[in-house]
C-alpha atoms as a PDB file:
ATOM      1  CA  MET A   1     -26.429   2.411  16.826  1.00  0.00           C
ATOM      2  CA  GLU A   2     -27.433   3.823  13.418  1.00  0.00           C
ATOM      3  CA  ILE A   3     -28.041   7.291  14.817  1.00  0.00           C
ATOM      4  CA  ALA A   4     -24.750   7.220  16.727  1.00  0.00           C
ATOM      5  CA  ARG A   5     -22.896   6.029  13.643  1.00  0.00           C
ATOM      6  CA  ASP A   6     -24.392   8.790  11.505  1.00  0.00           C
ATOM      7  CA  GLN A   7     -23.755  11.533  14.060  1.00  0.00           C
ATOM      8  CA  PHE A   8     -20.199  10.392  14.846  1.00  0.00           C
ATOM      9  CA  SER A   9     -19.385  10.241  11.129  1.00  0.00           C
ATOM     10  CA  ARG A  10     -20.719  13.730  10.500  1.00  0.00           C
ATOM     11  CA  TYR A  11     -19.663  15.669  13.578  1.00  0.00           C
ATOM     12  CA  GLY A  12     -16.955  13.665  15.285  1.00  0.00           C
ATOM     13  CA  VAL A  13     -17.143  11.497  18.348  1.00  0.00           C
ATOM     14  CA  ARG A  14     -16.377  13.992  21.092  1.00  0.00           C
ATOM     15  CA  THR A  15     -18.935  16.651  20.178  1.00  0.00           C
ATOM     16  CA  VAL A  16     -21.928  14.296  20.028  1.00  0.00           C
ATOM     17  CA  THR A  17     -23.447  13.760  23.478  1.00  0.00           C
ATOM     18  CA  MET A  18     -25.454  10.847  24.830  1.00  0.00           C
ATOM     19  CA  GLU A  19     -28.300  13.311  25.490  1.00  0.00           C
ATOM     20  CA  GLU A  20     -28.385  14.306  21.810  1.00  0.00           C
ATOM     21  CA  LEU A  21     -28.374  10.679  20.711  1.00  0.00           C
ATOM     22  CA  ALA A  22     -31.211   9.822  23.097  1.00  0.00           C
ATOM     23  CA  ARG A  23     -33.266  12.782  21.894  1.00  0.00           C
ATOM     24  CA  MET A  24     -32.716  11.889  18.239  1.00  0.00           C
ATOM     25  CA  ALA A  25     -33.684   8.252  18.906  1.00  0.00           C
ATOM     26  CA  GLY A  26     -36.783   9.310  20.836  1.00  0.00           C
ATOM     27  CA  ILE A  27     -35.684   7.468  23.959  1.00  0.00           C
ATOM     28  CA  SER A  28     -34.338   8.427  27.349  1.00  0.00           C
ATOM     29  CA  LYS A  29     -30.644   8.576  28.099  1.00  0.00           C
ATOM     30  CA  LYS A  30     -31.299   5.908  30.742  1.00  0.00           C
ATOM     31  CA  THR A  31     -32.434   3.535  27.987  1.00  0.00           C
ATOM     32  CA  ILE A  32     -29.133   3.981  26.168  1.00  0.00           C
ATOM     33  CA  TYR A  33     -27.260   3.164  29.379  1.00  0.00           C
ATOM     34  CA  GLN A  34     -29.224  -0.081  29.680  1.00  0.00           C
ATOM     35  CA  GLU A  35     -27.539  -1.192  26.452  1.00  0.00           C
ATOM     36  CA  PHE A  36     -24.143   0.514  26.730  1.00  0.00           C
ATOM     37  CA  LEU A  37     -22.019   1.062  29.829  1.00  0.00           C
ATOM     38  CA  ASP A  38     -20.897   4.504  28.705  1.00  0.00           C
ATOM     39  CA  LYS A  39     -19.997   6.506  25.616  1.00  0.00           C
ATOM     40  CA  LYS A  40     -16.744   4.575  25.183  1.00  0.00           C
ATOM     41  CA  ASP A  41     -18.742   1.349  25.044  1.00  0.00           C
ATOM     42  CA  LEU A  42     -21.099   2.843  22.438  1.00  0.00           C
ATOM     43  CA  VAL A  43     -18.186   4.120  20.320  1.00  0.00           C
ATOM     44  CA  ARG A  44     -16.508   0.716  20.522  1.00  0.00           C
ATOM     45  CA  GLU A  45     -19.688  -1.070  19.391  1.00  0.00           C
ATOM     46  CA  VAL A  46     -20.340   1.374  16.540  1.00  0.00           C
ATOM     47  CA  PHE A  47     -16.753   0.968  15.407  1.00  0.00           C
ATOM     48  CA  ARG A  48     -16.935  -2.846  15.713  1.00  0.00           C
ATOM     49  CA  ASN A  49     -20.097  -2.765  13.583  1.00  0.00           C
ATOM     50  CA  ILE A  50     -18.413  -0.671  10.869  1.00  0.00           C
ATOM     51  CA  LEU A  51     -15.363  -2.925  10.780  1.00  0.00           C
ATOM     52  CA  GLU A  52     -17.517  -6.065  10.552  1.00  0.00           C
ATOM     53  CA  GLU A  53     -19.511  -4.526   7.708  1.00  0.00           C
ATOM     54  CA  ASP A  54     -16.270  -3.776   5.858  1.00  0.00           C
ATOM     55  CA  ARG A  55     -14.980  -7.301   6.540  1.00  0.00           C
ATOM     56  CA  GLN A  56     -18.136  -8.803   5.016  1.00  0.00           C
ATOM     57  CA  LYS A  57     -17.877  -6.564   1.952  1.00  0.00           C
ATOM     58  CA  MET A  58     -14.264  -7.624   1.468  1.00  0.00           C
ATOM     59  CA  ILE A  59     -15.176 -11.317   1.714  1.00  0.00           C
ATOM     60  CA  TYR A  60     -17.996 -10.912  -0.780  1.00  0.00           C
ATOM     61  CA  ILE A  61     -15.815  -9.023  -3.254  1.00  0.00           C
ATOM     62  CA  HIS A  62     -12.984 -11.522  -2.940  1.00  0.00           C
ATOM     63  CA  GLU A  63     -15.322 -14.388  -3.840  1.00  0.00           C
ATOM     64  CA  GLN A  64     -16.467 -12.751  -7.091  1.00  0.00           C
ATOM     65  CA  GLU A  65     -15.052 -13.665 -10.523  1.00  0.00           C
ATOM     66  CA  ASP A  66     -11.272 -13.978 -10.488  1.00  0.00           C
ATOM     67  CA  GLY A  67     -11.222 -11.932  -7.288  1.00  0.00           C
ATOM     68  CA  VAL A  68      -8.390  -9.598  -8.292  1.00  0.00           C
ATOM     69  CA  ILE A  69      -9.234  -6.747 -10.659  1.00  0.00           C
ATOM     70  CA  ASP A  70     -12.895  -6.616  -9.641  1.00  0.00           C
ATOM     71  CA  HIS A  71     -11.706  -6.673  -6.038  1.00  0.00           C
ATOM     72  CA  LEU A  72      -9.429  -3.663  -6.558  1.00  0.00           C
ATOM     73  CA  VAL A  73     -12.106  -1.580  -8.271  1.00  0.00           C
ATOM     74  CA  LYS A  74     -14.782  -2.422  -5.720  1.00  0.00           C
ATOM     75  CA  MET A  75     -12.412  -1.791  -2.802  1.00  0.00           C
ATOM     76  CA  SER A  76     -11.737   1.627  -4.300  1.00  0.00           C
ATOM     77  CA  HIS A  77     -15.485   2.282  -4.327  1.00  0.00           C
ATOM     78  CA  ILE A  78     -15.850   1.107  -0.720  1.00  0.00           C
ATOM     79  CA  MET A  79     -12.974   3.364   0.349  1.00  0.00           C
ATOM     80  CA  ARG A  80     -14.440   6.340  -1.504  1.00  0.00           C
ATOM     81  CA  GLU A  81     -17.863   5.747   0.046  1.00  0.00           C
ATOM     82  CA  ARG A  82     -16.505   5.270   3.562  1.00  0.00           C
ATOM     83  CA  LEU A  83     -14.183   8.273   3.469  1.00  0.00           C
ATOM     84  CA  SER A  84     -16.569  10.667   1.732  1.00  0.00           C
ATOM     85  CA  THR A  85     -19.228  10.204   4.423  1.00  0.00           C
ATOM     86  CA  MET A  86     -16.858  10.539   7.351  1.00  0.00           C
ATOM     87  CA  ASN A  87     -15.496  13.591   9.074  1.00  0.00           C
ATOM     88  CA  PRO A  88     -11.719  12.905   9.076  1.00  0.00           C
ATOM     89  CA  MET A  89     -11.459  14.209  12.637  1.00  0.00           C
ATOM     90  CA  VAL A  90     -13.296  11.067  13.763  1.00  0.00           C
ATOM     91  CA  ILE A  91     -10.118   9.063  13.195  1.00  0.00           C
ATOM     92  CA  VAL A  92      -8.015  11.555  15.146  1.00  0.00           C
ATOM     93  CA  GLU A  93     -10.513  11.579  18.031  1.00  0.00           C
ATOM     94  CA  ILE A  94     -10.730   7.805  18.175  1.00  0.00           C
ATOM     95  CA  GLN A  95      -6.931   7.521  18.222  1.00  0.00           C
ATOM     96  CA  LYS A  96      -6.641  10.054  21.014  1.00  0.00           C
ATOM     97  CA  TYR A  97      -9.706   9.506  23.212  1.00  0.00           C
ATOM     98  CA  PHE A  98     -10.971   5.996  22.472  1.00  0.00           C
ATOM     99  CA  PRO A  99      -7.870   3.765  22.431  1.00  0.00           C
ATOM    100  CA  GLU A 100      -9.826   0.498  22.684  1.00  0.00           C
ATOM    101  CA  ALA A 101     -11.724   1.309  19.496  1.00  0.00           C
ATOM    102  CA  TRP A 102      -8.483   2.374  17.815  1.00  0.00           C
ATOM    103  CA  ARG A 103      -6.846  -0.931  18.798  1.00  0.00           C
ATOM    104  CA  MET A 104      -9.739  -2.707  17.056  1.00  0.00           C
ATOM    105  CA  PHE A 105      -8.952  -0.755  13.898  1.00  0.00           C
ATOM    106  CA  GLU A 106      -5.233  -1.532  14.177  1.00  0.00           C
ATOM    107  CA  ASP A 107      -6.041  -5.248  14.586  1.00  0.00           C
ATOM    108  CA  PHE A 108      -8.425  -5.074  11.634  1.00  0.00           C
ATOM    109  CA  LYS A 109      -5.743  -3.368   9.562  1.00  0.00           C
ATOM    110  CA  LEU A 110      -3.169  -6.078  10.291  1.00  0.00           C
ATOM    111  CA  GLN A 111      -5.376  -9.166  10.464  1.00  0.00           C
ATOM    112  CA  THR A 112      -7.865  -8.341   7.739  1.00  0.00           C
ATOM    113  CA  ILE A 113      -6.714  -5.592   5.380  1.00  0.00           C
ATOM    114  CA  LYS A 114      -3.053  -6.622   5.244  1.00  0.00           C
ATOM    115  CA  VAL A 115      -3.911 -10.309   4.816  1.00  0.00           C
ATOM    116  CA  ASP A 116      -6.472  -9.405   2.139  1.00  0.00           C
ATOM    117  CA  LEU A 117      -3.924  -7.268   0.272  1.00  0.00           C
ATOM    118  CA  ILE A 118      -1.325 -10.034   0.378  1.00  0.00           C
ATOM    119  CA  ASN A 119      -3.847 -12.631  -0.849  1.00  0.00           C
ATOM    120  CA  VAL A 120      -5.065 -10.419  -3.689  1.00  0.00           C
ATOM    121  CA  MET A 121      -1.519  -9.569  -4.766  1.00  0.00           C
ATOM    122  CA  GLU A 122      -0.443 -13.231  -4.651  1.00  0.00           C
ATOM    123  CA  LYS A 123      -3.465 -14.262  -6.707  1.00  0.00           C
ATOM    124  CA  GLY A 124      -2.791 -11.371  -9.090  1.00  0.00           C
ATOM    125  CA  LYS A 125       0.788 -12.560  -9.559  1.00  0.00           C
ATOM    126  CA  MET A 126      -0.445 -16.073 -10.418  1.00  0.00           C
ATOM    127  CA  LEU A 127      -2.948 -14.667 -12.924  1.00  0.00           C
ATOM    128  CA  GLY A 128      -0.349 -12.389 -14.503  1.00  0.00           C
ATOM    129  CA  TYR A 129      -1.910  -9.100 -13.335  1.00  0.00           C
ATOM    130  CA  PHE A 130       0.980  -8.159 -11.017  1.00  0.00           C
ATOM    131  CA  ARG A 131       4.715  -8.318 -11.537  1.00  0.00           C
ATOM    132  CA  GLU A 132       6.167 -11.644 -10.385  1.00  0.00           C
ATOM    133  CA  GLU A 133       9.080 -10.120  -8.476  1.00  0.00           C
ATOM    134  CA  ILE A 134       7.041  -8.008  -6.046  1.00  0.00           C
ATOM    135  CA  ASP A 135       7.269  -8.822  -2.344  1.00  0.00           C
ATOM    136  CA  THR A 136       3.594  -8.850  -1.376  1.00  0.00           C
ATOM    137  CA  SER A 137       4.217  -8.633   2.365  1.00  0.00           C
ATOM    138  CA  ILE A 138       6.361  -5.510   2.045  1.00  0.00           C
ATOM    139  CA  LEU A 139       3.998  -3.892  -0.447  1.00  0.00           C
ATOM    140  CA  ALA A 140       0.966  -4.605   1.749  1.00  0.00           C
ATOM    141  CA  LYS A 141       2.771  -2.780   4.566  1.00  0.00           C
ATOM    142  CA  VAL A 142       3.636   0.106   2.215  1.00  0.00           C
ATOM    143  CA  ARG A 143      -0.020   0.446   1.202  1.00  0.00           C
ATOM    144  CA  LEU A 144      -1.163   0.421   4.847  1.00  0.00           C
ATOM    145  CA  ASP A 145       1.440   3.087   5.635  1.00  0.00           C
ATOM    146  CA  GLN A 146       0.099   5.202   2.759  1.00  0.00           C
ATOM    147  CA  ILE A 147      -3.398   4.992   4.204  1.00  0.00           C
ATOM    148  CA  ALA A 148      -2.197   5.774   7.735  1.00  0.00           C
ATOM    149  CA  SER A 149      -0.190   8.805   6.600  1.00  0.00           C
ATOM    150  CA  SER A 150      -3.334  10.602   5.496  1.00  0.00           C
ATOM    151  CA  PHE A 151      -4.703  10.483   9.048  1.00  0.00           C
ATOM    152  CA  ASP A 152      -2.112  13.020  10.207  1.00  0.00           C
ATOM    153  CA  PRO A 153      -4.090  15.732  12.065  1.00  0.00           C
ATOM    154  CA  ALA A 154      -1.974  18.426  10.383  1.00  0.00           C
ATOM    155  CA  ASN A 155      -3.670  17.522   7.086  1.00  0.00           C
ATOM    156  CA  PHE A 156      -7.100  18.472   8.386  1.00  0.00           C
ATOM    157  CA  THR A 157      -6.196  22.082   9.087  1.00  0.00           C
ATOM    158  CA  ASN A 158      -5.319  22.638   5.432  1.00  0.00           C
ATOM    159  CA  PRO A 159      -8.488  23.769   3.617  1.00  0.00           C
ATOM    160  CA  GLU A 160      -7.104  22.473   0.302  1.00  0.00           C
ATOM    161  CA  TYR A 161      -6.576  18.948   1.650  1.00  0.00           C
ATOM    162  CA  ASN A 162      -8.955  16.387   0.163  1.00  0.00           C
ATOM    163  CA  PHE A 163      -8.735  13.165   2.141  1.00  0.00           C
ATOM    164  CA  VAL A 164     -10.691  11.060  -0.357  1.00  0.00           C
ATOM    165  CA  GLU A 165      -8.839  12.301  -3.435  1.00  0.00           C
ATOM    166  CA  GLU A 166      -5.449  11.746  -1.805  1.00  0.00           C
ATOM    167  CA  GLN A 167      -6.321   8.142  -0.984  1.00  0.00           C
ATOM    168  CA  LEU A 168      -7.590   7.438  -4.486  1.00  0.00           C
ATOM    169  CA  VAL A 169      -4.495   8.940  -6.108  1.00  0.00           C
ATOM    170  CA  LEU A 170      -2.205   6.983  -3.769  1.00  0.00           C
ATOM    171  CA  MET A 171      -4.056   3.748  -4.495  1.00  0.00           C
ATOM    172  CA  ASP A 172      -3.904   4.337  -8.241  1.00  0.00           C
ATOM    173  CA  HIS A 173      -0.169   5.125  -8.062  1.00  0.00           C
ATOM    174  CA  PHE A 174       0.457   2.054  -5.902  1.00  0.00           C
ATOM    175  CA  LEU A 175      -1.393  -0.242  -8.314  1.00  0.00           C
ATOM    176  CA  HIS A 176       0.340   1.071 -11.404  1.00  0.00           C
ATOM    177  CA  GLY A 177       3.652   0.355  -9.726  1.00  0.00           C
ATOM    178  CA  ILE A 178       2.861  -3.347  -9.411  1.00  0.00           C
ATOM    179  CA  PHE A 179       0.706  -4.027 -12.484  1.00  0.00           C
ATOM    180  CA  THR A 180       1.883  -5.920 -15.518  1.00  0.00           C
ATOM    181  CA  GLU A 181       0.536  -4.603 -18.822  1.00  0.00           C
ATOM    182  CA  LYS A 182      -2.196  -7.266 -18.628  1.00  0.00           C
ATOM    183  CA  GLY A 183      -3.155  -6.053 -15.163  1.00  0.00           C
ATOM    184  CA  ARG A 184      -3.114  -2.396 -16.176  1.00  0.00           C
ATOM    185  CA  MET A 185      -5.408  -3.059 -19.148  1.00  0.00           C
ATOM    186  CA  ALA A 186      -7.803  -5.224 -17.102  1.00  0.00           C
ATOM    187  CA  TYR A 187      -7.948  -2.582 -14.357  1.00  0.00           C
ATOM    188  CA  GLN A 188      -8.684   0.252 -16.800  1.00  0.00           C
ATOM    189  CA  SER A 189     -11.382  -1.833 -18.510  1.00  0.00           C
ATOM    190  CA  GLN A 190     -13.014  -2.733 -15.192  1.00  0.00           C
ATOM    191  CA  LYS A 191     -12.921   0.875 -13.989  1.00  0.00           C
ATOM    192  CA  ALA A 192     -14.624   1.978 -17.217  1.00  0.00           C
ATOM    193  CA  ILE A 193     -17.389  -0.601 -16.692  1.00  0.00           C
ATOM    194  CA  GLU A 194     -17.882   0.433 -13.048  1.00  0.00           C
ATOM    195  CA  LYS A 195     -18.328   4.106 -13.973  1.00  0.00           C
END
């Protein structure tokens, strides 16, 4: 699983073969097929593992301190880490060739990320970090749409396109649109500490 995850992240899902994975793991291809029905099954399990890891990180972050500003900064770090170690074509390939794995991501996006965003924004409103009048459900959808827009395959043919930087700029812009002055100051202070 670790080898498959590393190779898929680096080179994409379609180009990595079961033979290569078996060779790198020092096992036979037959051994892999004793654990996984086929490559689709392996991709699905690797993807499920990644999503569960992210879910656990989100839970842990949410339980820390007041759970809002620290959450935003740490989520930014998680996003940067995840995106900087992943070939962006992986997302395109999973959408196109591994629809079951993509459905898992879509479910995760709606049932975990969207719910998490709404909860954090609601808590932030109560603590005075976010403007009271914001509609958290609509803004959670807007943020998810921002993330999804960067997965457009046309972006990846542009040599000047930086997937990670675009996401960080969009997140920063999004947050500054909903912060109160208290929230903006707390966010800047927390970012300075995290650096």
